[in-house]
Amino acid sequence: MQVFCKMEDGQVLEVGELNEGEVFGEISCLRKEPAIATVKPKAPGMVLRLPREDFDALIMSHPQILVMVNQLGEERVALTANALAQKGILI
């Protein structure tokens, strides 16, 4: 999957890539806000969806998953900021 961010001026920039088995959407689930990125498949594949309500129940019953997902989200925000900075865009 290719990861894209839409800038305030409407420009769409590729900021990363996800491979088989990786998760996405964790930042919007954690922050309860709209997604900050869009993913598009590079090839046919399958995506498994976990509704927000089920995500909330999961992290409430398994706090270690919340810690792991939060860490992943923080790493992804930093990677996205770095990818945009390399393109000359500061956020």
C-alpha atoms as a PDB file:
ATOM      1  CA  MET A   1       0.000   0.000   0.000  1.00  0.00           C
ATOM      2  CA  GLN A   2       1.179   3.500  -0.773  1.00  0.00           C
ATOM      3  CA  VAL A   3       0.557   6.160   1.867  1.00  0.00           C
ATOM      4  CA  PHE A   4      -0.443   9.678   0.798  1.00  0.00           C
ATOM      5  CA  CYS A   5      -1.088  12.943   2.640  1.00  0.00           C
ATOM      6  CA  LYS A   6      -3.199  15.757   1.238  1.00  0.00           C
ATOM      7  CA  MET A   7      -1.749  19.188   1.930  1.00  0.00           C
ATOM      8  CA  GLU A   8      -3.802  22.273   2.742  1.00  0.00           C
ATOM      9  CA  ASP A   9      -3.219  23.540  -0.813  1.00  0.00           C
ATOM     10  CA  GLY A  10      -4.756  20.332  -2.219  1.00  0.00           C
ATOM     11  CA  GLN A  11      -1.443  18.803  -3.282  1.00  0.00           C
ATOM     12  CA  VAL A  12      -1.257  15.029  -2.642  1.00  0.00           C
ATOM     13  CA  LEU A  13       2.147  13.659  -1.688  1.00  0.00           C
ATOM     14  CA  GLU A  14       3.326  10.096  -1.189  1.00  0.00           C
ATOM     15  CA  VAL A  15       4.830   9.815   2.279  1.00  0.00           C
ATOM     16  CA  GLY A  16       5.357   6.102   2.794  1.00  0.00           C
ATOM     17  CA  GLU A  17       4.605   2.521   2.024  1.00  0.00           C
ATOM     18  CA  LEU A  18       3.009  -0.306   3.992  1.00  0.00           C
ATOM     19  CA  ASN A  19       3.766  -3.962   3.511  1.00  0.00           C
ATOM     20  CA  GLU A  20       1.817  -7.155   4.055  1.00  0.00           C
ATOM     21  CA  GLY A  21       0.682  -7.580   7.651  1.00  0.00           C
ATOM     22  CA  GLU A  22       1.016  -3.923   8.647  1.00  0.00           C
ATOM     23  CA  VAL A  23      -1.835  -1.998  10.195  1.00  0.00           C
ATOM     24  CA  PHE A  24      -3.073   1.486   9.364  1.00  0.00           C
ATOM     25  CA  GLY A  25      -5.679   3.869  10.711  1.00  0.00           C
ATOM     26  CA  GLU A  26      -4.325   3.659  14.239  1.00  0.00           C
ATOM     27  CA  ILE A  27      -3.737   7.395  14.533  1.00  0.00           C
ATOM     28  CA  SER A  28      -7.333   8.326  13.736  1.00  0.00           C
ATOM     29  CA  CYS A  29      -8.597   5.609  16.088  1.00  0.00           C
ATOM     30  CA  LEU A  30      -6.420   6.833  18.927  1.00  0.00           C
ATOM     31  CA  ARG A  31      -7.173  10.515  18.378  1.00  0.00           C
ATOM     32  CA  LYS A  32     -10.820   9.973  17.379  1.00  0.00           C
ATOM     33  CA  GLU A  33     -10.220  12.331  14.461  1.00  0.00           C
ATOM     34  CA  PRO A  34     -10.346  11.965  10.685  1.00  0.00           C
ATOM     35  CA  ALA A  35      -7.408  10.153   9.113  1.00  0.00           C
ATOM     36  CA  ILE A  36      -4.311  12.225   8.352  1.00  0.00           C
ATOM     37  CA  ALA A  37      -3.291   9.950   5.471  1.00  0.00           C
ATOM     38  CA  THR A  38      -4.819   7.823   2.744  1.00  0.00           C
ATOM     39  CA  VAL A  39      -3.623   4.410   1.663  1.00  0.00           C
ATOM     40  CA  LYS A  40      -3.969   3.012  -1.841  1.00  0.00           C
ATOM     41  CA  PRO A  41      -3.102  -0.512  -2.933  1.00  0.00           C
ATOM     42  CA  LYS A  42      -0.226  -1.071  -5.335  1.00  0.00           C
ATOM     43  CA  ALA A  43      -1.571  -4.532  -6.195  1.00  0.00           C
ATOM     44  CA  PRO A  44      -4.679  -6.582  -5.486  1.00  0.00           C
ATOM     45  CA  GLY A  45      -4.912  -7.733  -1.899  1.00  0.00           C
ATOM     46  CA  MET A  46      -7.104  -8.073   1.150  1.00  0.00           C
ATOM     47  CA  VAL A  47      -7.723  -5.623   3.971  1.00  0.00           C
ATOM     48  CA  LEU A  48      -9.213  -6.628   7.304  1.00  0.00           C
ATOM     49  CA  ARG A  49     -11.268  -3.936   9.030  1.00  0.00           C
ATOM     50  CA  LEU A  50     -11.683  -3.432  12.766  1.00  0.00           C
ATOM     51  CA  PRO A  51     -14.541  -1.036  13.551  1.00  0.00           C
ATOM     52  CA  ARG A  52     -13.689   1.793  15.952  1.00  0.00           C
ATOM     53  CA  GLU A  53     -16.034   0.433  18.626  1.00  0.00           C
ATOM     54  CA  ASP A  54     -14.252  -2.930  18.535  1.00  0.00           C
ATOM     55  CA  PHE A  55     -10.870  -1.167  18.622  1.00  0.00           C
ATOM     56  CA  ASP A  56     -11.976   0.770  21.712  1.00  0.00           C
ATOM     57  CA  ALA A  57     -13.155  -2.431  23.423  1.00  0.00           C
ATOM     58  CA  LEU A  58      -9.900  -4.185  22.526  1.00  0.00           C
ATOM     59  CA  ILE A  59      -7.626  -1.528  24.001  1.00  0.00           C
ATOM     60  CA  MET A  60      -9.775  -1.256  27.132  1.00  0.00           C
ATOM     61  CA  SER A  61      -9.473  -4.989  27.782  1.00  0.00           C
ATOM     62  CA  HIS A  62      -5.822  -5.262  26.676  1.00  0.00           C
ATOM     63  CA  PRO A  63      -3.902  -2.115  27.724  1.00  0.00           C
ATOM     64  CA  GLN A  64      -0.642  -3.531  26.330  1.00  0.00           C
ATOM     65  CA  ILE A  65      -2.174  -3.264  22.853  1.00  0.00           C
ATOM     66  CA  LEU A  66      -2.942   0.412  23.508  1.00  0.00           C
ATOM     67  CA  VAL A  67       0.714   0.987  24.406  1.00  0.00           C
ATOM     68  CA  MET A  68       1.899  -0.803  21.250  1.00  0.00           C
ATOM     69  CA  VAL A  69      -0.556   0.996  18.956  1.00  0.00           C
ATOM     70  CA  ASN A  70       0.219   4.370  20.539  1.00  0.00           C
ATOM     71  CA  GLN A  71       3.948   3.820  19.983  1.00  0.00           C
ATOM     72  CA  LEU A  72       3.287   2.816  16.370  1.00  0.00           C
ATOM     73  CA  GLY A  73       1.186   5.947  15.849  1.00  0.00           C
ATOM     74  CA  GLU A  74       3.907   8.207  17.258  1.00  0.00           C
ATOM     75  CA  GLU A  75       6.517   6.553  15.019  1.00  0.00           C
ATOM     76  CA  ARG A  76       4.285   6.980  11.970  1.00  0.00           C
ATOM     77  CA  VAL A  77       3.649  10.670  12.691  1.00  0.00           C
ATOM     78  CA  ALA A  78       7.428  11.201  12.937  1.00  0.00           C
ATOM     79  CA  LEU A  79       8.069   9.248   9.716  1.00  0.00           C
ATOM     80  CA  THR A  80       5.407  11.255   7.896  1.00  0.00           C
ATOM     81  CA  ALA A  81       6.879  14.542   9.150  1.00  0.00           C
ATOM     82  CA  ASN A  82      10.334  13.418   7.980  1.00  0.00           C
ATOM     83  CA  ALA A  83       9.016  12.352   4.569  1.00  0.00           C
ATOM     84  CA  LEU A  84       7.318  15.726   4.113  1.00  0.00           C
ATOM     85  CA  ALA A  85      10.414  17.591   5.329  1.00  0.00           C
ATOM     86  CA  GLN A  86      12.460  15.799   2.653  1.00  0.00           C
ATOM     87  CA  LYS A  87      10.009  17.213   0.110  1.00  0.00           C
ATOM     88  CA  GLY A  88      10.525  20.697   1.567  1.00  0.00           C
ATOM     89  CA  ILE A  89       7.263  20.782   3.527  1.00  0.00           C
ATOM     90  CA  LEU A  90       7.308  21.482   7.240  1.00  0.00           C
ATOM     91  CA  ILE A  91       4.326  20.619   9.382  1.00  0.00           C
END
